[in-house]
């Protein structure tokens, strides 16, 4: 009975094992979004640090820490990209400059 419950829980939550590739794919998307934000002059320096820390955790084979940091980096990269896109669309030259 206990084995069936455990198998059911693992089936619902995934394998139960964190793979470094998961963090790697999240990190790759974070880098992509961050690069887009930087291209729009809206990249956040805190995102860059999170990306570096996640890479360091991956190199140290700490998959759990790497995933946490990669998720934070991904969230910040998305937010910075959204902010940069909004500022690009909403910004106009002040009338006193024209």
Protein backbone atom coordinates (compact mmCIF):
# COMPACT_ATOMS: atom_id res chain seq x y z
CA UNK A 1 0.00 0.00 0.00
CA UNK A 2 2.76 2.44 0.94
CA UNK A 3 4.60 1.66 -2.29
CA UNK A 4 1.47 2.46 -4.33
CA UNK A 5 1.09 5.80 -2.55
CA UNK A 6 4.74 6.66 -3.11
CA UNK A 7 4.53 5.72 -6.78
CA UNK A 8 1.37 7.81 -7.14
CA UNK A 9 3.04 10.81 -5.53
CA UNK A 10 6.09 10.48 -7.75
CA UNK A 11 3.87 10.16 -10.81
CA UNK A 12 2.00 13.33 -9.90
CA UNK A 13 5.06 15.39 -9.05
CA UNK A 14 7.43 14.10 -11.70
CA UNK A 15 10.35 11.84 -11.11
CA UNK A 16 11.19 13.35 -7.76
CA UNK A 17 14.78 13.73 -8.90
CA UNK A 18 16.14 17.10 -9.87
CA UNK A 19 18.28 16.96 -12.98
CA UNK A 20 20.90 19.63 -13.64
CA UNK A 21 19.54 19.89 -17.18
CA UNK A 22 16.33 21.37 -15.78
CA UNK A 23 18.26 24.24 -14.25
CA UNK A 24 20.31 24.51 -17.42
CA UNK A 25 17.27 24.96 -19.64
CA UNK A 26 15.74 27.52 -17.26
CA UNK A 27 19.07 29.33 -17.17
CA UNK A 28 19.33 29.33 -20.97
CA UNK A 29 15.93 31.02 -21.22
CA UNK A 30 16.92 33.53 -18.53
CA UNK A 31 20.05 34.40 -20.52
CA UNK A 32 18.03 34.84 -23.70
CA UNK A 33 15.50 37.15 -22.03
CA UNK A 34 18.28 39.06 -20.28
CA UNK A 35 20.14 39.61 -23.55
CA UNK A 36 16.95 40.96 -25.13
CA UNK A 37 16.45 43.34 -22.21
CA UNK A 38 20.06 44.52 -22.48
CA UNK A 39 19.60 45.13 -26.20
CA UNK A 40 16.70 47.44 -25.28
CA UNK A 41 18.92 49.11 -22.65
CA UNK A 42 16.82 47.67 -19.84
CA UNK A 43 18.81 44.78 -18.37
CA UNK A 44 19.01 44.67 -14.60
CA UNK A 45 22.40 44.18 -12.95
CA UNK A 46 20.84 41.93 -10.29
CA UNK A 47 19.73 39.52 -13.03
CA UNK A 48 23.27 39.28 -14.34
CA UNK A 49 24.49 38.33 -10.85
CA UNK A 50 21.77 35.69 -10.45
CA UNK A 51 22.73 34.17 -13.81
CA UNK A 52 26.39 34.02 -12.78
CA UNK A 53 25.52 32.48 -9.40
CA UNK A 54 23.30 29.86 -11.08
CA UNK A 55 26.12 28.99 -13.48
CA UNK A 56 28.52 28.64 -10.55
CA UNK A 57 26.06 26.32 -8.76
CA UNK A 58 25.76 24.18 -11.90
CA UNK A 59 29.55 23.93 -12.14
CA UNK A 60 29.63 22.87 -8.48
CA UNK A 61 27.03 20.16 -9.25
CA UNK A 62 24.52 21.72 -6.85
CA UNK A 63 21.43 21.17 -9.00
CA UNK A 64 18.94 22.27 -6.35
CA UNK A 65 20.64 25.61 -5.71
CA UNK A 66 21.19 26.10 -9.44
CA UNK A 67 17.48 25.59 -10.13
CA UNK A 68 16.41 28.05 -7.43
CA UNK A 69 18.82 30.68 -8.73
CA UNK A 70 17.95 30.00 -12.36
CA UNK A 71 14.24 30.45 -11.61
CA UNK A 72 14.95 33.75 -9.86
CA UNK A 73 17.10 34.87 -12.77
CA UNK A 74 14.40 33.85 -15.24
CA UNK A 75 11.74 35.80 -13.36
CA UNK A 76 13.92 38.90 -13.14
CA UNK A 77 14.90 38.61 -16.80
CA UNK A 78 11.23 38.46 -17.80
CA UNK A 79 10.40 41.45 -15.63
CA UNK A 80 13.31 43.51 -16.93
CA UNK A 81 12.38 42.65 -20.52
CA UNK A 82 8.76 43.62 -19.93
CA UNK A 83 9.87 46.88 -18.34
CA UNK A 84 12.28 47.66 -21.18
CA UNK A 85 9.64 46.95 -23.83
CA UNK A 86 7.11 49.13 -22.01
CA UNK A 87 9.54 52.00 -21.69
CA UNK A 88 10.48 51.73 -25.34
CA UNK A 89 6.83 51.95 -26.39
CA UNK A 90 5.80 54.61 -23.89
CA UNK A 91 8.79 56.90 -23.99
CA UNK A 92 8.82 59.99 -26.10
CA UNK A 93 11.21 62.89 -26.27
CA UNK A 94 10.19 65.69 -23.92
CA UNK A 95 8.73 68.72 -25.71
CA UNK A 96 11.40 71.08 -24.35
CA UNK A 97 14.10 69.15 -26.24
CA UNK A 98 12.45 69.47 -29.64
